[in-house]
Amino acid sequence: MVLIGVAVVILGFLLRINPLLTVTVGGLVTGLLAHESLSTILTQFGTAFTTNRYMSIFILTLPVIGILERHGLREQAEHLVKRIRGATTGRILNIYLLIREVAAALGLTSFGGHPQMVRPLVAPMAEGAAEARFGELTEDVRQTIRAHSAAVDNIGLFFGEDILSGVCGHAFAGQSHSPAVDGCPGLGARGAGGIRGVAHRQLR
């Protein structure tokens, strides 16, 4: 009977009802069928929200970036780069790649990203550098620069995370070796050593 709450969620998604409303109703139905009081259910909702409230912070970045773009953030980034002598598309992307990779290696994986860094800043700066050197760009060239800007972000994040062997995500590679090591479940001495070897080879 408790699984009826799951059916409510699935039905709500199929009918394209507001996801927040669907999940809330599904939770209420599940709690009531489990003979929980309404106050207990609401308490659990509140506890879950306060425990994971930091996860909703990223929602605030979207309207902020939208407002900044509406007031000319992309255009200002292009104009700024055009005034810098020696700035090229390759240099800008390489500098951002280095910054992104170092930040990811230090565990700052949220520093950067497509919506908050590549779209409003990195791509316009790379386009501005190309325009300053070659004049008006064709649409194909613009799309190519934007694609490279997004790729630089992905590559920097991916290989930056792999530099540190202590990242818990690496535990999946050595999950079957032995009990937890340094807070990463399922990563034993052999597993940690193997991951350190991979990271060492990548740094060569």
Protein backbone atom coordinates (compact mmCIF):
# COMPACT_ATOMS: atom_id res chain seq x y z
CA MET A 1 0.00 0.00 0.00
CA VAL A 2 2.87 2.37 0.82
CA LEU A 3 4.10 2.07 -2.78
CA ILE A 4 0.96 3.88 -3.95
CA GLY A 5 2.93 7.06 -3.28
CA VAL A 6 5.39 6.00 -6.00
CA ALA A 7 2.47 5.41 -8.37
CA VAL A 8 1.21 8.94 -7.60
CA VAL A 9 4.61 10.40 -8.53
CA ILE A 10 4.78 8.40 -11.77
CA LEU A 11 1.23 9.39 -12.70
CA GLY A 12 1.97 13.04 -11.98
CA PHE A 13 5.04 12.99 -14.22
CA LEU A 14 3.10 11.26 -17.00
CA LEU A 15 0.38 13.92 -16.81
CA ARG A 16 3.06 16.67 -16.74
CA ILE A 17 1.84 18.08 -13.45
CA ASN A 18 4.16 20.42 -11.55
CA PRO A 19 7.01 18.16 -10.27
CA LEU A 20 7.22 19.86 -6.85
CA LEU A 21 3.48 19.44 -6.31
CA THR A 22 3.61 15.84 -7.54
CA VAL A 23 6.43 14.81 -5.21
CA THR A 24 4.81 16.61 -2.26
CA VAL A 25 1.47 14.85 -2.80
CA GLY A 26 3.30 11.53 -3.26
CA GLY A 27 5.08 12.03 0.06
CA LEU A 28 1.85 12.92 1.84
CA VAL A 29 0.09 9.87 0.41
CA THR A 30 2.97 7.59 1.41
CA GLY A 31 3.05 8.96 4.96
CA LEU A 32 -0.71 8.71 5.46
CA LEU A 33 -0.77 5.13 4.16
CA ALA A 34 2.02 4.31 6.62
CA HIS A 35 -0.30 5.57 9.41
CA GLU A 36 1.89 8.59 10.17
CA SER A 37 0.27 11.71 11.59
CA LEU A 38 0.12 14.86 9.48
CA SER A 39 2.40 16.71 11.91
CA THR A 40 5.00 13.93 11.67
CA ILE A 41 4.92 14.04 7.88
CA LEU A 42 5.33 17.82 7.82
CA THR A 43 8.17 17.53 10.33
CA GLN A 44 9.98 15.09 8.04
CA PHE A 45 9.47 17.43 5.09
CA GLY A 46 10.95 20.30 7.09
CA THR A 47 13.90 18.22 8.31
CA ALA A 48 14.71 17.07 4.77
CA PHE A 49 14.53 20.64 3.48
CA THR A 50 16.79 22.13 6.16
CA THR A 51 19.28 19.28 5.80
CA ASN A 52 19.57 19.65 2.01
CA ARG A 53 18.80 23.36 1.60
CA TYR A 54 22.24 24.05 0.10
CA MET A 55 21.23 22.00 -2.95
CA SER A 56 18.75 24.68 -3.99
CA ILE A 57 21.38 27.44 -4.03
CA PHE A 58 22.19 26.73 -7.68
CA ILE A 59 18.63 27.85 -8.58
CA LEU A 60 19.56 31.38 -7.52
CA THR A 61 22.38 31.51 -10.09
CA LEU A 62 20.00 31.21 -13.05
CA PRO A 63 18.04 34.48 -12.54
CA VAL A 64 21.23 36.30 -11.54
CA ILE A 65 23.00 35.24 -14.74
CA GLY A 66 19.90 36.10 -16.77
CA ILE A 67 19.77 39.62 -15.30
CA LEU A 68 23.49 40.15 -15.90
CA GLU A 69 23.20 39.00 -19.50
CA ARG A 70 20.20 41.24 -20.08
CA HIS A 71 22.23 44.21 -18.90
CA GLY A 72 25.12 43.45 -21.27
CA LEU A 73 27.48 41.08 -19.44
CA ARG A 74 28.39 39.20 -22.64
CA GLU A 75 28.95 42.42 -24.59
CA GLN A 76 31.12 43.89 -21.84
CA ALA A 77 33.21 40.71 -21.71
CA GLU A 78 33.80 40.95 -25.48
CA HIS A 79 34.72 44.67 -25.30
CA LEU A 80 37.10 44.03 -22.41
CA VAL A 81 39.04 41.36 -24.31
CA LYS A 82 39.20 43.47 -27.46
CA ARG A 83 41.08 46.14 -25.49
CA ILE A 84 43.68 43.67 -24.20
CA ARG A 85 46.72 43.46 -26.48
CA GLY A 86 47.97 39.94 -27.09
CA ALA A 87 44.68 38.27 -26.11
CA THR A 88 43.82 35.40 -28.43
CA THR A 89 41.11 32.77 -28.38
CA GLY A 90 43.63 30.01 -27.70
CA ARG A 91 45.26 31.85 -24.80
CA ILE A 92 41.94 32.65 -23.16
CA LEU A 93 40.75 29.05 -23.41
CA ASN A 94 44.08 27.70 -22.15
CA ILE A 95 44.04 30.04 -19.15
CA TYR A 96 40.48 29.00 -18.31
CA LEU A 97 41.44 25.33 -18.75
CA LEU A 98 44.27 25.77 -16.24
CA ILE A 99 42.04 27.60 -13.75
CA ARG A 100 39.26 25.02 -14.11
CA GLU A 101 41.61 22.07 -13.70
CA VAL A 102 43.43 23.48 -10.67
CA ALA A 103 40.12 24.37 -9.01
CA ALA A 104 38.74 20.87 -9.65
CA ALA A 105 41.94 19.30 -8.31
CA LEU A 106 41.44 21.25 -5.08
CA GLY A 107 37.86 20.00 -4.83
CA LEU A 108 36.22 23.22 -6.07
CA THR A 109 34.19 21.49 -8.76
CA SER A 110 31.42 24.08 -8.57
CA PHE A 111 33.85 26.81 -9.61
CA GLY A 112 33.00 27.20 -13.28
CA GLY A 113 30.45 25.39 -15.39
CA HIS A 114 28.53 26.04 -18.59
CA PRO A 115 25.67 28.23 -17.35
CA GLN A 116 27.56 30.31 -14.81
CA MET A 117 30.96 30.71 -16.49
CA VAL A 118 31.21 29.47 -20.09
CA ARG A 119 28.07 31.06 -21.56
CA PRO A 120 28.26 34.53 -19.95
CA LEU A 121 32.05 34.99 -19.77
CA VAL A 122 34.42 32.50 -21.36
CA ALA A 123 32.72 32.09 -24.75
CA PRO A 124 32.10 35.85 -25.26
CA MET A 125 35.71 36.62 -24.30
CA ALA A 126 36.99 34.00 -26.74
CA GLU A 127 34.74 35.37 -29.47
CA GLY A 128 35.84 38.93 -28.71
CA ALA A 129 39.50 37.97 -29.01
CA ALA A 130 38.83 36.36 -32.39
CA GLU A 131 36.91 39.40 -33.61
CA ALA A 132 39.68 41.76 -32.53
CA ARG A 133 42.18 39.77 -34.59
CA PHE A 134 40.15 38.64 -37.62
CA GLY A 135 37.18 41.01 -37.78
CA GLU A 136 33.55 39.92 -38.10
CA LEU A 137 33.08 36.17 -37.51
CA THR A 138 30.83 33.83 -39.42
CA GLU A 139 28.17 31.88 -37.53
CA ASP A 140 30.08 28.62 -38.07
CA VAL A 141 33.21 30.09 -36.48
CA ARG A 142 31.20 31.44 -33.53
CA GLN A 143 29.63 28.05 -32.92
CA THR A 144 33.04 26.39 -33.13
CA ILE A 145 34.49 28.78 -30.54
CA ARG A 146 31.51 28.18 -28.25
CA ALA A 147 31.92 24.43 -28.63
CA HIS A 148 35.62 24.65 -27.73
CA SER A 149 34.78 26.83 -24.72
CA ALA A 150 32.34 24.21 -23.44
CA ALA A 151 34.83 21.42 -24.15
CA VAL A 152 37.56 23.21 -22.19
CA ASP A 153 35.26 23.37 -19.16
CA ASN A 154 34.45 19.66 -19.40
CA ILE A 155 38.06 18.59 -19.90
CA GLY A 156 39.37 20.76 -17.08
CA LEU A 157 36.78 19.40 -14.66
CA PHE A 158 37.27 15.77 -15.70
CA PHE A 159 41.05 15.62 -15.49
CA GLY A 160 41.21 17.99 -12.52
CA GLU A 161 39.11 15.61 -10.48
CA ASP A 162 41.35 12.70 -11.51
CA ILE A 163 44.49 14.37 -10.18
CA LEU A 164 43.46 13.83 -6.55
CA SER A 165 43.27 10.20 -5.51
CA GLY A 166 41.31 11.12 -2.39
CA VAL A 167 38.12 12.03 -4.23
CA CYS A 168 35.39 9.67 -3.01
CA GLY A 169 34.09 9.22 -6.55
CA HIS A 170 37.21 7.20 -7.30
CA ALA A 171 36.13 4.67 -4.69
CA PHE A 172 33.95 2.96 -7.28
CA ALA A 173 37.09 1.78 -9.07
CA GLY A 174 38.33 -0.12 -6.02
CA GLN A 175 35.05 -0.97 -4.36
CA SER A 176 35.75 -4.69 -4.09
CA HIS A 177 39.21 -4.47 -2.53
CA SER A 178 38.66 -3.85 1.18
CA PRO A 179 36.79 -1.72 3.75
CA ALA A 180 36.66 2.06 3.72
CA VAL A 181 39.85 4.10 3.65
CA ASP A 182 39.94 7.81 4.48
CA GLY A 183 36.15 8.05 4.48
CA CYS A 184 35.71 6.59 0.96
CA PRO A 185 33.65 3.38 1.17
CA GLY A 186 35.06 0.23 -0.36
CA LEU A 187 38.53 1.62 -1.19
CA GLY A 188 41.35 -0.43 0.26
CA ALA A 189 45.11 -0.04 0.15
CA ARG A 190 45.44 -1.75 -3.24
CA GLY A 191 42.55 0.26 -4.67
CA ALA A 192 43.98 3.54 -3.44
CA GLY A 193 47.40 2.63 -4.79
CA GLY A 194 45.95 1.77 -8.19
CA ILE A 195 44.09 5.05 -8.43
CA ARG A 196 47.19 6.97 -7.38
CA GLY A 197 49.04 5.21 -10.18
CA VAL A 198 46.42 6.31 -12.72
CA ALA A 199 46.58 9.89 -11.48
CA HIS A 200 50.39 9.81 -11.63
CA ARG A 201 50.34 8.60 -15.26
CA GLN A 202 47.90 11.37 -16.21
CA LEU A 203 50.24 14.00 -14.78
CA ARG A 204 53.15 12.89 -16.94
